[in-house]
Amino acid sequence: MAKNGAFDRIYASSFYFNDRGLVKWPAQVVNYTNKTQFLFRIEKGTLDVNDPGVNDYFPPDQIRVPFRNMVYIGDSDTNIPCMKLVNVNGGHSIGVYNPETGRKEKVQKMFRDQRIRYYAPADYTEGSELDTLVKKIILRTSANEALEAAHFHCMMEAGSRA
């Protein structure tokens, strides 16, 4: 998907390689602290990691991707700040667990602690429980956005007559 241009930007750890193709040094490290910054970059459209505009105020009508339209999938404690951020702003966080072991204790605790809204096996294949869940969230998000647009239209129309 990435090679076919499906994404504007991918934020992930990366490495510098020497002329023999061996890792020389970390080029970029993504950890639990800066993961939230990347979510704000996505929200505001300040995708360049050197753009200080990520800290600027953006009026709601200039937000590129509202948190309510985000789906965050994570499998460990390092994802908890992002999961909570997305959840409290109306988005959807999904905790995933190893389908081979079936151990759900960690995701069940995250669910009880309201860090995630859902959990599923980390099976990303089409038709899996996770795939079905994400597609339901997308359908719900699409419907919510259509309703918000209709509401905004009514507000504008009613305001212009006042």
C-alpha atoms as a PDB file:
ATOM      1  CA  MET A   1       0.000   0.000   0.000  1.00  0.00           C
ATOM      2  CA  ALA A   2       2.765   2.439   0.913  1.00  0.00           C
ATOM      3  CA  LYS A   3       4.659   1.850  -2.315  1.00  0.00           C
ATOM      4  CA  ASN A   4       1.509   2.513  -4.341  1.00  0.00           C
ATOM      5  CA  GLY A   5       1.110   5.991  -2.828  1.00  0.00           C
ATOM      6  CA  ALA A   6      -1.805   5.204  -0.517  1.00  0.00           C
ATOM      7  CA  PHE A   7      -0.331   7.444   2.209  1.00  0.00           C
ATOM      8  CA  ASP A   8       0.891  11.036   2.275  1.00  0.00           C
ATOM      9  CA  ARG A   9       3.315  10.256   5.087  1.00  0.00           C
ATOM     10  CA  ILE A  10       4.352   7.279   7.175  1.00  0.00           C
ATOM     11  CA  TYR A  11       5.773   7.916  10.629  1.00  0.00           C
ATOM     12  CA  ALA A  12       7.936   5.035  11.749  1.00  0.00           C
ATOM     13  CA  SER A  13      11.357   4.342  13.122  1.00  0.00           C
ATOM     14  CA  SER A  14      13.969   4.328  10.396  1.00  0.00           C
ATOM     15  CA  PHE A  15      17.702   3.821  10.037  1.00  0.00           C
ATOM     16  CA  TYR A  16      20.694   5.168   8.140  1.00  0.00           C
ATOM     17  CA  PHE A  17      22.449   2.447   6.169  1.00  0.00           C
ATOM     18  CA  ASN A  18      26.071   2.316   5.036  1.00  0.00           C
ATOM     19  CA  ASP A  19      27.161   1.574   1.464  1.00  0.00           C
ATOM     20  CA  ARG A  20      26.963  -2.174   2.174  1.00  0.00           C
ATOM     21  CA  GLY A  21      23.346  -1.913   3.340  1.00  0.00           C
ATOM     22  CA  LEU A  22      24.113  -2.392   7.019  1.00  0.00           C
ATOM     23  CA  VAL A  23      22.430  -0.285   9.676  1.00  0.00           C
ATOM     24  CA  LYS A  24      24.696   2.535  10.749  1.00  0.00           C
ATOM     25  CA  TRP A  25      22.532   4.607  13.097  1.00  0.00           C
ATOM     26  CA  PRO A  26      18.877   5.336  13.884  1.00  0.00           C
ATOM     27  CA  ALA A  27      17.600   8.052  11.540  1.00  0.00           C
ATOM     28  CA  GLN A  28      14.301   8.527  13.327  1.00  0.00           C
ATOM     29  CA  VAL A  29      13.000   6.897  16.463  1.00  0.00           C
ATOM     30  CA  VAL A  30       9.285   6.794  17.169  1.00  0.00           C
ATOM     31  CA  ASN A  31       8.568   6.268  20.845  1.00  0.00           C
ATOM     32  CA  TYR A  32       5.586   6.657  23.136  1.00  0.00           C
ATOM     33  CA  THR A  33       6.386  10.340  23.710  1.00  0.00           C
ATOM     34  CA  ASN A  34       6.449  11.532  20.122  1.00  0.00           C
ATOM     35  CA  LYS A  35       3.657   9.250  18.884  1.00  0.00           C
ATOM     36  CA  THR A  36       1.146  11.801  20.163  1.00  0.00           C
ATOM     37  CA  GLN A  37       2.950  14.551  18.242  1.00  0.00           C
ATOM     38  CA  PHE A  38       2.442  12.580  15.044  1.00  0.00           C
ATOM     39  CA  LEU A  39      -1.285  12.362  15.769  1.00  0.00           C
ATOM     40  CA  PHE A  40      -1.409  16.154  16.104  1.00  0.00           C
ATOM     41  CA  ARG A  41       0.533  16.453  12.831  1.00  0.00           C
ATOM     42  CA  ILE A  42      -2.065  14.280  11.112  1.00  0.00           C
ATOM     43  CA  GLU A  43      -4.905  16.232  12.702  1.00  0.00           C
ATOM     44  CA  LYS A  44      -3.550  19.615  11.607  1.00  0.00           C
ATOM     45  CA  GLY A  45      -1.944  18.604   8.339  1.00  0.00           C
ATOM     46  CA  THR A  46       1.524  19.719   9.484  1.00  0.00           C
ATOM     47  CA  LEU A  47       3.080  16.528   8.188  1.00  0.00           C
ATOM     48  CA  ASP A  48       6.710  17.651   7.921  1.00  0.00           C
ATOM     49  CA  VAL A  49       8.494  16.622  11.134  1.00  0.00           C
ATOM     50  CA  ASN A  50      10.379  19.938  11.033  1.00  0.00           C
ATOM     51  CA  ASP A  51       7.220  22.070  10.802  1.00  0.00           C
ATOM     52  CA  PRO A  52       6.758  23.916  14.126  1.00  0.00           C
ATOM     53  CA  GLY A  53       3.159  24.660  13.089  1.00  0.00           C
ATOM     54  CA  VAL A  54       2.130  21.483  14.894  1.00  0.00           C
ATOM     55  CA  ASN A  55       1.979  23.626  18.039  1.00  0.00           C
ATOM     56  CA  ASP A  56      -0.142  26.375  16.466  1.00  0.00           C
ATOM     57  CA  TYR A  57      -3.842  26.811  17.117  1.00  0.00           C
ATOM     58  CA  PHE A  58      -6.023  25.691  14.228  1.00  0.00           C
ATOM     59  CA  PRO A  59      -9.703  26.693  14.063  1.00  0.00           C
ATOM     60  CA  PRO A  60     -12.010  23.674  13.793  1.00  0.00           C
ATOM     61  CA  ASP A  61     -12.791  24.355  10.125  1.00  0.00           C
ATOM     62  CA  GLN A  62      -9.071  24.105   9.278  1.00  0.00           C
ATOM     63  CA  ILE A  63      -8.487  20.735  10.923  1.00  0.00           C
ATOM     64  CA  ARG A  64      -7.380  18.216   8.308  1.00  0.00           C
ATOM     65  CA  VAL A  65      -8.385  15.012  10.128  1.00  0.00           C
ATOM     66  CA  PRO A  66     -10.403  15.485  13.327  1.00  0.00           C
ATOM     67  CA  PHE A  67      -9.564  13.086  16.129  1.00  0.00           C
ATOM     68  CA  ARG A  68     -13.170  11.857  15.919  1.00  0.00           C
ATOM     69  CA  ASN A  69     -12.268  10.405  12.507  1.00  0.00           C
ATOM     70  CA  MET A  70      -9.150   8.587  13.665  1.00  0.00           C
ATOM     71  CA  VAL A  71      -8.696   4.897  14.362  1.00  0.00           C
ATOM     72  CA  TYR A  72      -5.653   4.038  16.466  1.00  0.00           C
ATOM     73  CA  ILE A  73      -4.532   0.422  16.693  1.00  0.00           C
ATOM     74  CA  GLY A  74      -1.941  -0.557  19.266  1.00  0.00           C
ATOM     75  CA  ASP A  75      -0.590  -3.541  21.098  1.00  0.00           C
ATOM     76  CA  SER A  76       1.386  -2.264  24.058  1.00  0.00           C
ATOM     77  CA  ASP A  77       1.682   0.216  26.884  1.00  0.00           C
ATOM     78  CA  THR A  78       3.649   2.602  24.647  1.00  0.00           C
ATOM     79  CA  ASN A  79       0.411   3.184  22.710  1.00  0.00           C
ATOM     80  CA  ILE A  80      -1.693   4.138  25.737  1.00  0.00           C
ATOM     81  CA  PRO A  81      -1.162   7.946  25.518  1.00  0.00           C
ATOM     82  CA  CYS A  82      -2.271   7.949  21.877  1.00  0.00           C
ATOM     83  CA  MET A  83      -5.166   5.610  22.552  1.00  0.00           C
ATOM     84  CA  LYS A  84      -6.421   7.840  25.347  1.00  0.00           C
ATOM     85  CA  LEU A  85      -5.935  11.000  23.243  1.00  0.00           C
ATOM     86  CA  VAL A  86      -7.931   9.569  20.361  1.00  0.00           C
ATOM     87  CA  ASN A  87     -10.668   8.221  22.662  1.00  0.00           C
ATOM     88  CA  VAL A  88     -11.253  11.411  24.657  1.00  0.00           C
ATOM     89  CA  ASN A  89     -11.604  13.318  21.400  1.00  0.00           C
ATOM     90  CA  GLY A  90     -14.266  11.016  19.975  1.00  0.00           C
ATOM     91  CA  GLY A  91     -12.059   8.708  17.916  1.00  0.00           C
ATOM     92  CA  HIS A  92     -11.676   4.964  18.160  1.00  0.00           C
ATOM     93  CA  SER A  93      -8.808   3.038  19.738  1.00  0.00           C
ATOM     94  CA  ILE A  94      -8.389  -0.675  19.251  1.00  0.00           C
ATOM     95  CA  GLY A  95      -6.105  -2.839  21.327  1.00  0.00           C
ATOM     96  CA  VAL A  96      -4.779  -5.904  19.578  1.00  0.00           C
ATOM     97  CA  TYR A  97      -3.396  -9.092  21.053  1.00  0.00           C
ATOM     98  CA  ASN A  98      -1.458 -12.062  19.718  1.00  0.00           C
ATOM     99  CA  PRO A  99      -3.973 -14.415  18.087  1.00  0.00           C
ATOM    100  CA  GLU A 100      -1.626 -17.376  18.562  1.00  0.00           C
ATOM    101  CA  THR A 101      -1.543 -17.119  22.355  1.00  0.00           C
ATOM    102  CA  GLY A 102      -5.029 -15.661  22.721  1.00  0.00           C
ATOM    103  CA  ARG A 103      -3.892 -13.820  25.858  1.00  0.00           C
ATOM    104  CA  LYS A 104      -6.263 -10.899  26.342  1.00  0.00           C
ATOM    105  CA  GLU A 105      -5.334  -9.762  29.852  1.00  0.00           C
ATOM    106  CA  LYS A 106      -3.503  -6.610  28.711  1.00  0.00           C
ATOM    107  CA  VAL A 107      -6.199  -5.441  26.274  1.00  0.00           C
ATOM    108  CA  GLN A 108      -8.957  -6.261  28.752  1.00  0.00           C
ATOM    109  CA  LYS A 109      -7.209  -4.089  31.351  1.00  0.00           C
ATOM    110  CA  MET A 110      -6.833  -1.281  28.787  1.00  0.00           C
ATOM    111  CA  PHE A 111     -10.549  -1.657  28.032  1.00  0.00           C
ATOM    112  CA  ARG A 112     -11.529  -1.548  31.718  1.00  0.00           C
ATOM    113  CA  ASP A 113      -9.291   1.513  32.183  1.00  0.00           C
ATOM    114  CA  GLN A 114     -11.040   3.189  29.212  1.00  0.00           C
ATOM    115  CA  ARG A 115      -7.825   3.409  27.201  1.00  0.00           C
ATOM    116  CA  ILE A 116      -9.392   1.554  24.253  1.00  0.00           C
ATOM    117  CA  ARG A 117     -12.936   1.140  22.987  1.00  0.00           C
ATOM    118  CA  TYR A 118     -12.447  -2.248  21.361  1.00  0.00           C
ATOM    119  CA  TYR A 119     -10.024  -5.141  21.211  1.00  0.00           C
ATOM    120  CA  ALA A 120      -9.430  -7.900  18.716  1.00  0.00           C
ATOM    121  CA  PRO A 121      -6.786 -10.410  17.642  1.00  0.00           C
ATOM    122  CA  ALA A 122      -3.899  -8.823  15.695  1.00  0.00           C
ATOM    123  CA  ASP A 123      -5.032 -10.432  12.473  1.00  0.00           C
ATOM    124  CA  TYR A 124      -4.972  -7.864   9.669  1.00  0.00           C
ATOM    125  CA  THR A 125      -6.313 -10.115   6.937  1.00  0.00           C
ATOM    126  CA  GLU A 126      -9.489  -9.320   5.044  1.00  0.00           C
ATOM    127  CA  GLY A 127     -12.552 -10.686   6.790  1.00  0.00           C
ATOM    128  CA  SER A 128     -10.847 -10.971  10.185  1.00  0.00           C
ATOM    129  CA  GLU A 129     -12.486  -9.661  13.339  1.00  0.00           C
ATOM    130  CA  LEU A 130     -10.185  -6.616  13.244  1.00  0.00           C
ATOM    131  CA  ASP A 131     -10.902  -5.943   9.551  1.00  0.00           C
ATOM    132  CA  THR A 132     -14.645  -6.142  10.164  1.00  0.00           C
ATOM    133  CA  LEU A 133     -14.406  -3.835  13.191  1.00  0.00           C
ATOM    134  CA  VAL A 134     -12.372  -1.188  11.346  1.00  0.00           C
ATOM    135  CA  LYS A 135     -14.806  -1.253   8.406  1.00  0.00           C
ATOM    136  CA  LYS A 136     -17.759  -0.758  10.807  1.00  0.00           C
ATOM    137  CA  ILE A 137     -15.946   2.220  12.363  1.00  0.00           C
ATOM    138  CA  ILE A 138     -15.354   3.689   8.904  1.00  0.00           C
ATOM    139  CA  LEU A 139     -19.042   3.313   8.002  1.00  0.00           C
ATOM    140  CA  ARG A 140     -20.085   4.923  11.287  1.00  0.00           C
ATOM    141  CA  THR A 141     -17.586   7.760  10.823  1.00  0.00           C
ATOM    142  CA  SER A 142     -18.824   8.397   7.297  1.00  0.00           C
ATOM    143  CA  ALA A 143     -22.434   8.547   8.503  1.00  0.00           C
ATOM    144  CA  ASN A 144     -21.503  10.872  11.382  1.00  0.00           C
ATOM    145  CA  GLU A 145     -19.654  13.227   9.028  1.00  0.00           C
ATOM    146  CA  ALA A 146     -22.637  13.314   6.647  1.00  0.00           C
ATOM    147  CA  LEU A 147     -24.909  14.221   9.564  1.00  0.00           C
ATOM    148  CA  GLU A 148     -22.484  16.928  10.740  1.00  0.00           C
ATOM    149  CA  ALA A 149     -22.409  18.397   7.228  1.00  0.00           C
ATOM    150  CA  ALA A 150     -26.216  18.450   7.119  1.00  0.00           C
ATOM    151  CA  HIS A 151     -26.314  20.100  10.552  1.00  0.00           C
ATOM    152  CA  PHE A 152     -23.771  22.729   9.457  1.00  0.00           C
ATOM    153  CA  HIS A 153     -25.809  23.445   6.327  1.00  0.00           C
ATOM    154  CA  CYS A 154     -28.944  23.979   8.425  1.00  0.00           C
ATOM    155  CA  MET A 155     -27.076  26.243  10.834  1.00  0.00           C
ATOM    156  CA  MET A 156     -25.742  28.357   7.986  1.00  0.00           C
ATOM    157  CA  GLU A 157     -29.125  28.556   6.321  1.00  0.00           C
ATOM    158  CA  ALA A 158     -30.929  29.438   9.542  1.00  0.00           C
ATOM    159  CA  GLY A 159     -28.272  31.981  10.470  1.00  0.00           C
ATOM    160  CA  SER A 160     -28.547  33.746   7.142  1.00  0.00           C
ATOM    161  CA  ARG A 161     -32.283  34.246   7.679  1.00  0.00           C
ATOM    162  CA  ALA A 162     -31.952  35.609  11.196  1.00  0.00           C
END
